[in-house]
């Protein structure tokens, strides 16, 4: 379960689109977790970048639940886990 993976990796999380995509581009990411309920164009961009960089990605149902798993009170579209 991806939410569990996020909870267990709290000290290695990069939360949010800006932080996560910057780390993805630099190759500092082992896994990306993407919420299904985000804008379709944004989802395509994130998944395309992950595939281009050969970074495994997982999908979760809710950006609100993803934010909670990160320990924040707001929803988040994307979480990257540092290597």
PDB file of N, CA and C in Angstrom:
ATOM      1  N   UNK A   1       0.851  -1.189   0.000  1.00  0.00           N
ATOM      2  CA  UNK A   1       0.000   0.000   0.000  1.00  0.00           C
ATOM      3  C   UNK A   1       0.891   1.246   0.000  1.00  0.00           C
ATOM      4  N   UNK A   2       0.661   2.147  -0.903  1.00  0.00           N
ATOM      5  CA  UNK A   2       1.498   3.327  -1.073  1.00  0.00           C
ATOM      6  C   UNK A   2       1.414   4.308   0.090  1.00  0.00           C
ATOM      7  N   UNK A   3       0.230   4.427   0.707  1.00  0.00           N
ATOM      8  CA  UNK A   3       0.123   5.328   1.849  1.00  0.00           C
ATOM      9  C   UNK A   3       1.052   4.869   2.960  1.00  0.00           C
ATOM     10  N   UNK A   4       1.140   3.548   3.164  1.00  0.00           N
ATOM     11  CA  UNK A   4       2.043   3.009   4.180  1.00  0.00           C
ATOM     12  C   UNK A   4       3.492   3.310   3.833  1.00  0.00           C
ATOM     13  N   UNK A   5       3.829   3.190   2.565  1.00  0.00           N
ATOM     14  CA  UNK A   5       5.185   3.482   2.115  1.00  0.00           C
ATOM     15  C   UNK A   5       5.545   4.932   2.422  1.00  0.00           C
ATOM     16  N   UNK A   6       4.607   5.839   2.201  1.00  0.00           N
ATOM     17  CA  UNK A   6       4.826   7.264   2.483  1.00  0.00           C
ATOM     18  C   UNK A   6       5.018   7.480   3.978  1.00  0.00           C
ATOM     19  N   UNK A   7       4.165   6.872   4.778  1.00  0.00           N
ATOM     20  CA  UNK A   7       4.246   7.021   6.232  1.00  0.00           C
ATOM     21  C   UNK A   7       5.585   6.517   6.754  1.00  0.00           C
ATOM     22  N   UNK A   8       6.066   5.426   6.225  1.00  0.00           N
ATOM     23  CA  UNK A   8       7.325   4.839   6.685  1.00  0.00           C
ATOM     24  C   UNK A   8       8.548   5.639   6.238  1.00  0.00           C
ATOM     25  N   UNK A   9       8.431   6.419   5.190  1.00  0.00           N
ATOM     26  CA  UNK A   9       9.577   7.154   4.642  1.00  0.00           C
ATOM     27  C   UNK A   9       9.527   8.645   4.979  1.00  0.00           C
ATOM     28  N   UNK A  10       8.896   9.016   6.076  1.00  0.00           N
ATOM     29  CA  UNK A  10       8.681  10.441   6.381  1.00  0.00           C
ATOM     30  C   UNK A  10       9.952  11.282   6.372  1.00  0.00           C
ATOM     31  N   UNK A  11      11.077  10.727   6.777  1.00  0.00           N
ATOM     32  CA  UNK A  11      12.315  11.507   6.816  1.00  0.00           C
ATOM     33  C   UNK A  11      12.951  11.677   5.432  1.00  0.00           C
ATOM     34  N   UNK A  12      12.411  11.012   4.404  1.00  0.00           N
ATOM     35  CA  UNK A  12      12.970  11.102   3.050  1.00  0.00           C
ATOM     36  C   UNK A  12      11.977  11.649   2.039  1.00  0.00           C
ATOM     37  N   UNK A  13      10.910  12.290   2.492  1.00  0.00           N
ATOM     38  CA  UNK A  13       9.852  12.753   1.600  1.00  0.00           C
ATOM     39  C   UNK A  13      10.129  14.135   1.018  1.00  0.00           C
ATOM     40  N   UNK A  14       9.746  14.283  -0.220  1.00  0.00           N
ATOM     41  CA  UNK A  14       9.700  15.581  -0.876  1.00  0.00           C
ATOM     42  C   UNK A  14       8.249  15.766  -1.289  1.00  0.00           C
ATOM     43  N   UNK A  15       7.580  16.688  -0.634  1.00  0.00           N
ATOM     44  CA  UNK A  15       6.141  16.851  -0.802  1.00  0.00           C
ATOM     45  C   UNK A  15       5.852  18.025  -1.724  1.00  0.00           C
ATOM     46  N   UNK A  16       4.990  17.795  -2.692  1.00  0.00           N
ATOM     47  CA  UNK A  16       4.568  18.860  -3.590  1.00  0.00           C
ATOM     48  C   UNK A  16       5.237  18.772  -4.946  1.00  0.00           C
ATOM     49  N   UNK A  17       4.610  19.416  -5.893  1.00  0.00           N
ATOM     50  CA  UNK A  17       5.047  19.318  -7.279  1.00  0.00           C
ATOM     51  C   UNK A  17       6.430  19.933  -7.493  1.00  0.00           C
ATOM     52  N   UNK A  18       6.658  21.126  -6.974  1.00  0.00           N
ATOM     53  CA  UNK A  18       7.939  21.802  -7.217  1.00  0.00           C
ATOM     54  C   UNK A  18       9.116  21.013  -6.662  1.00  0.00           C
ATOM     55  N   UNK A  19       9.036  20.647  -5.385  1.00  0.00           N
ATOM     56  CA  UNK A  19      10.139  19.919  -4.752  1.00  0.00           C
ATOM     57  C   UNK A  19      10.364  18.562  -5.407  1.00  0.00           C
ATOM     58  N   UNK A  20       9.277  17.849  -5.648  1.00  0.00           N
ATOM     59  CA  UNK A  20       9.394  16.492  -6.172  1.00  0.00           C
ATOM     60  C   UNK A  20       9.936  16.479  -7.599  1.00  0.00           C
ATOM     61  N   UNK A  21       9.424  17.346  -8.462  1.00  0.00           N
ATOM     62  CA  UNK A  21       9.894  17.339  -9.854  1.00  0.00           C
ATOM     63  C   UNK A  21      11.343  17.805  -9.954  1.00  0.00           C
ATOM     64  N   UNK A  22      11.742  18.736  -9.115  1.00  0.00           N
ATOM     65  CA  UNK A  22      13.137  19.184  -9.100  1.00  0.00           C
ATOM     66  C   UNK A  22      14.056  18.022  -8.717  1.00  0.00           C
ATOM     67  N   UNK A  23      13.673  17.268  -7.695  1.00  0.00           N
ATOM     68  CA  UNK A  23      14.468  16.117  -7.260  1.00  0.00           C
ATOM     69  C   UNK A  23      14.454  15.009  -8.309  1.00  0.00           C
ATOM     70  N   UNK A  24      13.315  14.826  -8.980  1.00  0.00           N
ATOM     71  CA  UNK A  24      13.232  13.820 -10.040  1.00  0.00           C
ATOM     72  C   UNK A  24      14.207  14.159 -11.167  1.00  0.00           C
ATOM     73  N   UNK A  25      14.246  15.411 -11.552  1.00  0.00           N
ATOM     74  CA  UNK A  25      15.118  15.846 -12.638  1.00  0.00           C
ATOM     75  C   UNK A  25      16.591  15.670 -12.288  1.00  0.00           C
ATOM     76  N   UNK A  26      16.924  15.777 -10.991  1.00  0.00           N
ATOM     77  CA  UNK A  26      18.315  15.622 -10.572  1.00  0.00           C
ATOM     78  C   UNK A  26      18.684  14.169 -10.289  1.00  0.00           C
ATOM     79  N   UNK A  27      17.697  13.262 -10.355  1.00  0.00           N
ATOM     80  CA  UNK A  27      17.973  11.845 -10.149  1.00  0.00           C
ATOM     81  C   UNK A  27      18.089  11.431  -8.698  1.00  0.00           C
ATOM     82  N   UNK A  28      17.528  12.217  -7.798  1.00  0.00           N
ATOM     83  CA  UNK A  28      17.646  11.966  -6.363  1.00  0.00           C
ATOM     84  C   UNK A  28      16.430  11.247  -5.778  1.00  0.00           C
ATOM     85  N   UNK A  29      15.630  10.610  -6.624  1.00  0.00           N
ATOM     86  CA  UNK A  29      14.359  10.036  -6.185  1.00  0.00           C
ATOM     87  C   UNK A  29      14.329   8.540  -6.484  1.00  0.00           C
ATOM     88  N   UNK A  30      13.831   7.757  -5.510  1.00  0.00           N
ATOM     89  CA  UNK A  30      13.715   6.314  -5.726  1.00  0.00           C
ATOM     90  C   UNK A  30      12.307   5.919  -6.168  1.00  0.00           C
ATOM     91  N   UNK A  31      11.287   6.639  -5.698  1.00  0.00           N
ATOM     92  CA  UNK A  31       9.897   6.331  -6.030  1.00  0.00           C
ATOM     93  C   UNK A  31       9.074   7.609  -6.004  1.00  0.00           C
ATOM     94  N   UNK A  32       8.044   7.648  -6.841  1.00  0.00           N
ATOM     95  CA  UNK A  32       7.118   8.775  -6.879  1.00  0.00           C
ATOM     96  C   UNK A  32       5.712   8.239  -6.606  1.00  0.00           C
ATOM     97  N   UNK A  33       4.967   8.939  -5.762  1.00  0.00           N
ATOM     98  CA  UNK A  33       3.588   8.594  -5.463  1.00  0.00           C
ATOM     99  C   UNK A  33       2.716   9.728  -6.002  1.00  0.00           C
ATOM    100  N   UNK A  34       1.767   9.389  -6.882  1.00  0.00           N
ATOM    101  CA  UNK A  34       0.923  10.378  -7.555  1.00  0.00           C
ATOM    102  C   UNK A  34      -0.542  10.124  -7.192  1.00  0.00           C
ATOM    103  N   UNK A  35      -1.254  11.185  -6.853  1.00  0.00           N
ATOM    104  CA  UNK A  35      -2.686  11.075  -6.557  1.00  0.00           C
ATOM    105  C   UNK A  35      -3.478  11.005  -7.861  1.00  0.00           C
ATOM    106  N   UNK A  36      -4.443  10.110  -7.924  1.00  0.00           N
ATOM    107  CA  UNK A  36      -5.273   9.950  -9.123  1.00  0.00           C
ATOM    108  C   UNK A  36      -6.214  11.133  -9.352  1.00  0.00           C
ATOM    109  N   UNK A  37      -6.590  11.820  -8.286  1.00  0.00           N
ATOM    110  CA  UNK A  37      -7.605  12.867  -8.414  1.00  0.00           C
ATOM    111  C   UNK A  37      -7.026  14.263  -8.676  1.00  0.00           C
ATOM    112  N   UNK A  38      -5.914  14.315  -9.407  1.00  0.00           N
ATOM    113  CA  UNK A  38      -5.351  15.604  -9.807  1.00  0.00           C
ATOM    114  C   UNK A  38      -5.701  15.864 -11.271  1.00  0.00           C
ATOM    115  N   UNK A  39      -5.408  17.053 -11.725  1.00  0.00           N
ATOM    116  CA  UNK A  39      -5.651  17.445 -13.108  1.00  0.00           C
ATOM    117  C   UNK A  39      -4.978  16.457 -14.072  1.00  0.00           C
ATOM    118  N   UNK A  40      -5.690  16.044 -15.096  1.00  0.00           N
ATOM    119  CA  UNK A  40      -5.186  15.032 -16.032  1.00  0.00           C
ATOM    120  C   UNK A  40      -3.890  15.465 -16.726  1.00  0.00           C
ATOM    121  N   UNK A  41      -3.800  16.731 -17.132  1.00  0.00           N
ATOM    122  CA  UNK A  41      -2.581  17.210 -17.797  1.00  0.00           C
ATOM    123  C   UNK A  41      -1.382  17.148 -16.865  1.00  0.00           C
ATOM    124  N   UNK A  42      -1.579  17.518 -15.615  1.00  0.00           N
ATOM    125  CA  UNK A  42      -0.514  17.473 -14.626  1.00  0.00           C
ATOM    126  C   UNK A  42      -0.081  16.032 -14.381  1.00  0.00           C
ATOM    127  N   UNK A  43      -1.057  15.149 -14.279  1.00  0.00           N
ATOM    128  CA  UNK A  43      -0.759  13.731 -14.052  1.00  0.00           C
ATOM    129  C   UNK A  43       0.090  13.177 -15.200  1.00  0.00           C
ATOM    130  N   UNK A  44      -0.263  13.528 -16.428  1.00  0.00           N
ATOM    131  CA  UNK A  44       0.493  13.069 -17.597  1.00  0.00           C
ATOM    132  C   UNK A  44       1.927  13.591 -17.556  1.00  0.00           C
ATOM    133  N   UNK A  45       2.104  14.871 -17.197  1.00  0.00           N
ATOM    134  CA  UNK A  45       3.447  15.456 -17.107  1.00  0.00           C
ATOM    135  C   UNK A  45       4.306  14.719 -16.087  1.00  0.00           C
ATOM    136  N   UNK A  46       3.731  14.473 -14.914  1.00  0.00           N
ATOM    137  CA  UNK A  46       4.483  13.824 -13.837  1.00  0.00           C
ATOM    138  C   UNK A  46       4.862  12.401 -14.225  1.00  0.00           C
ATOM    139  N   UNK A  47       3.909  11.651 -14.754  1.00  0.00           N
ATOM    140  CA  UNK A  47       4.176  10.265 -15.137  1.00  0.00           C
ATOM    141  C   UNK A  47       5.184  10.207 -16.279  1.00  0.00           C
ATOM    142  N   UNK A  48       5.082  11.124 -17.227  1.00  0.00           N
ATOM    143  CA  UNK A  48       6.042  11.169 -18.339  1.00  0.00           C
ATOM    144  C   UNK A  48       7.456  11.436 -17.835  1.00  0.00           C
ATOM    145  N   UNK A  49       7.597  12.366 -16.897  1.00  0.00           N
ATOM    146  CA  UNK A  49       8.915  12.659 -16.329  1.00  0.00           C
ATOM    147  C   UNK A  49       9.451  11.441 -15.589  1.00  0.00           C
ATOM    148  N   UNK A  50       8.612  10.779 -14.810  1.00  0.00           N
ATOM    149  CA  UNK A  50       9.043   9.588 -14.084  1.00  0.00           C
ATOM    150  C   UNK A  50       9.517   8.505 -15.053  1.00  0.00           C
ATOM    151  N   UNK A  51       8.763   8.281 -16.110  1.00  0.00           N
ATOM    152  CA  UNK A  51       9.147   7.267 -17.092  1.00  0.00           C
ATOM    153  C   UNK A  51      10.438   7.649 -17.809  1.00  0.00           C
ATOM    154  N   UNK A  52      10.571   8.913 -18.155  1.00  0.00           N
ATOM    155  CA  UNK A  52      11.778   9.398 -18.830  1.00  0.00           C
ATOM    156  C   UNK A  52      13.015   9.216 -17.958  1.00  0.00           C
ATOM    157  N   UNK A  53      12.855   9.429 -16.648  1.00  0.00           N
ATOM    158  CA  UNK A  53      13.968   9.329 -15.706  1.00  0.00           C
ATOM    159  C   UNK A  53      14.108   7.914 -15.126  1.00  0.00           C
ATOM    160  N   UNK A  54      13.281   6.980 -15.601  1.00  0.00           N
ATOM    161  CA  UNK A  54      13.282   5.595 -15.097  1.00  0.00           C
ATOM    162  C   UNK A  54      13.056   5.528 -13.589  1.00  0.00           C
ATOM    163  N   UNK A  55      12.116   6.324 -13.119  1.00  0.00           N
ATOM    164  CA  UNK A  55      11.755   6.339 -11.705  1.00  0.00           C
ATOM    165  C   UNK A  55      10.424   5.616 -11.556  1.00  0.00           C
ATOM    166  N   UNK A  56      10.370   4.587 -10.723  1.00  0.00           N
ATOM    167  CA  UNK A  56       9.097   3.900 -10.514  1.00  0.00           C
ATOM    168  C   UNK A  56       8.073   4.839  -9.882  1.00  0.00           C
ATOM    169  N   UNK A  57       6.825   4.688 -10.285  1.00  0.00           N
ATOM    170  CA  UNK A  57       5.769   5.509  -9.692  1.00  0.00           C
ATOM    171  C   UNK A  57       4.593   4.633  -9.311  1.00  0.00           C
ATOM    172  N   UNK A  58       3.849   5.105  -8.328  1.00  0.00           N
ATOM    173  CA  UNK A  58       2.650   4.422  -7.870  1.00  0.00           C
ATOM    174  C   UNK A  58       1.528   5.439  -7.803  1.00  0.00           C
ATOM    175  N   UNK A  59       0.316   4.971  -7.985  1.00  0.00           N
ATOM    176  CA  UNK A  59      -0.855   5.830  -7.933  1.00  0.00           C
ATOM    177  C   UNK A  59      -1.631   5.537  -6.650  1.00  0.00           C
ATOM    178  N   UNK A  60      -2.142   6.598  -6.037  1.00  0.00           N
ATOM    179  CA  UNK A  60      -3.051   6.471  -4.900  1.00  0.00           C
ATOM    180  C   UNK A  60      -4.342   7.200  -5.250  1.00  0.00           C
ATOM    181  N   UNK A  61      -5.395   6.888  -4.550  1.00  0.00           N
ATOM    182  CA  UNK A  61      -6.716   7.411  -4.900  1.00  0.00           C
ATOM    183  C   UNK A  61      -6.916   8.887  -4.590  1.00  0.00           C
ATOM    184  N   UNK A  62      -6.348   9.374  -3.496  1.00  0.00           N
ATOM    185  CA  UNK A  62      -6.744  10.690  -3.007  1.00  0.00           C
ATOM    186  C   UNK A  62      -5.566  11.577  -2.631  1.00  0.00           C
ATOM    187  N   UNK A  63      -5.595  12.820  -3.127  1.00  0.00           N
ATOM    188  CA  UNK A  63      -4.559  13.775  -2.737  1.00  0.00           C
ATOM    189  C   UNK A  63      -4.729  14.200  -1.280  1.00  0.00           C
ATOM    190  N   UNK A  64      -5.954  14.188  -0.774  1.00  0.00           N
ATOM    191  CA  UNK A  64      -6.185  14.517   0.635  1.00  0.00           C
ATOM    192  C   UNK A  64      -5.574  13.448   1.538  1.00  0.00           C
ATOM    193  N   UNK A  65      -5.786  12.188   1.203  1.00  0.00           N
ATOM    194  CA  UNK A  65      -5.218  11.098   2.000  1.00  0.00           C
ATOM    195  C   UNK A  65      -3.696  11.062   1.863  1.00  0.00           C
ATOM    196  N   UNK A  66      -3.187  11.412   0.701  1.00  0.00           N
ATOM    197  CA  UNK A  66      -1.739  11.456   0.505  1.00  0.00           C
ATOM    198  C   UNK A  66      -1.124  12.530   1.402  1.00  0.00           C
ATOM    199  N   UNK A  67      -1.770  13.674   1.489  1.00  0.00           N
ATOM    200  CA  UNK A  67      -1.300  14.721   2.393  1.00  0.00           C
ATOM    201  C   UNK A  67      -1.293  14.252   3.834  1.00  0.00           C
ATOM    202  N   UNK A  68      -2.348  13.572   4.259  1.00  0.00           N
ATOM    203  CA  UNK A  68      -2.419  13.039   5.626  1.00  0.00           C
ATOM    204  C   UNK A  68      -1.306  12.032   5.878  1.00  0.00           C
ATOM    205  N   UNK A  69      -1.030  11.178   4.906  1.00  0.00           N
ATOM    206  CA  UNK A  69       0.043  10.189   5.057  1.00  0.00           C
ATOM    207  C   UNK A  69       1.402  10.861   5.218  1.00  0.00           C
ATOM    208  N   UNK A  70       1.534  12.065   4.636  1.00  0.00           N
ATOM    209  CA  UNK A  70       2.784  12.834   4.753  1.00  0.00           C
ATOM    210  C   UNK A  70       2.876  13.574   6.081  1.00  0.00           C
ATOM    211  N   UNK A  71       1.769  13.619   6.805  1.00  0.00           N
ATOM    212  CA  UNK A  71       1.746  14.333   8.077  1.00  0.00           C
ATOM    213  C   UNK A  71       1.457  15.810   7.938  1.00  0.00           C
ATOM    214  N   UNK A  72       0.830  16.205   6.819  1.00  0.00           N
ATOM    215  CA  UNK A  72       0.468  17.604   6.624  1.00  0.00           C
ATOM    216  C   UNK A  72      -1.047  17.725   6.576  1.00  0.00           C
ATOM    217  N   UNK A  73      -1.541  18.918   6.794  1.00  0.00           N
ATOM    218  CA  UNK A  73      -2.993  19.125   6.868  1.00  0.00           C
ATOM    219  C   UNK A  73      -3.628  19.546   5.551  1.00  0.00           C
ATOM    220  N   UNK A  74      -2.833  19.599   4.500  1.00  0.00           N
ATOM    221  CA  UNK A  74      -3.365  19.969   3.181  1.00  0.00           C
ATOM    222  C   UNK A  74      -3.155  18.818   2.206  1.00  0.00           C
ATOM    223  N   UNK A  75      -3.920  18.822   1.138  1.00  0.00           N
ATOM    224  CA  UNK A  75      -3.782  17.792   0.116  1.00  0.00           C
ATOM    225  C   UNK A  75      -2.514  18.018  -0.679  1.00  0.00           C
ATOM    226  N   UNK A  76      -1.979  16.937  -1.236  1.00  0.00           N
ATOM    227  CA  UNK A  76      -0.817  17.055  -2.110  1.00  0.00           C
ATOM    228  C   UNK A  76      -0.978  16.123  -3.295  1.00  0.00           C
ATOM    229  N   UNK A  77      -0.588  16.604  -4.454  1.00  0.00           N
ATOM    230  CA  UNK A  77      -0.732  15.834  -5.694  1.00  0.00           C
ATOM    231  C   UNK A  77       0.366  14.806  -5.853  1.00  0.00           C
ATOM    232  N   UNK A  78       1.517  15.088  -5.282  1.00  0.00           N
ATOM    233  CA  UNK A  78       2.707  14.308  -5.587  1.00  0.00           C
ATOM    234  C   UNK A  78       3.644  14.243  -4.390  1.00  0.00           C
ATOM    235  N   UNK A  79       4.213  13.075  -4.190  1.00  0.00           N
ATOM    236  CA  UNK A  79       5.241  12.878  -3.162  1.00  0.00           C
ATOM    237  C   UNK A  79       6.366  12.082  -3.801  1.00  0.00           C
ATOM    238  N   UNK A  80       7.591  12.516  -3.584  1.00  0.00           N
ATOM    239  CA  UNK A  80       8.753  11.765  -4.043  1.00  0.00           C
ATOM    240  C   UNK A  80       9.501  11.267  -2.818  1.00  0.00           C
ATOM    241  N   UNK A  81      10.033  10.067  -2.926  1.00  0.00           N
ATOM    242  CA  UNK A  81      10.828   9.506  -1.840  1.00  0.00           C
ATOM    243  C   UNK A  81      12.277   9.510  -2.284  1.00  0.00           C
ATOM    244  N   UNK A  82      13.112  10.199  -1.500  1.00  0.00           N
ATOM    245  CA  UNK A  82      14.545  10.282  -1.808  1.00  0.00           C
ATOM    246  C   UNK A  82      15.202   8.907  -1.691  1.00  0.00           C
ATOM    247  N   UNK A  83      16.265   8.750  -2.439  1.00  0.00           N
ATOM    248  CA  UNK A  83      17.027   7.499  -2.380  1.00  0.00           C
ATOM    249  C   UNK A  83      17.760   7.370  -1.072  1.00  0.00           C
TER     250      UNK A  83
END
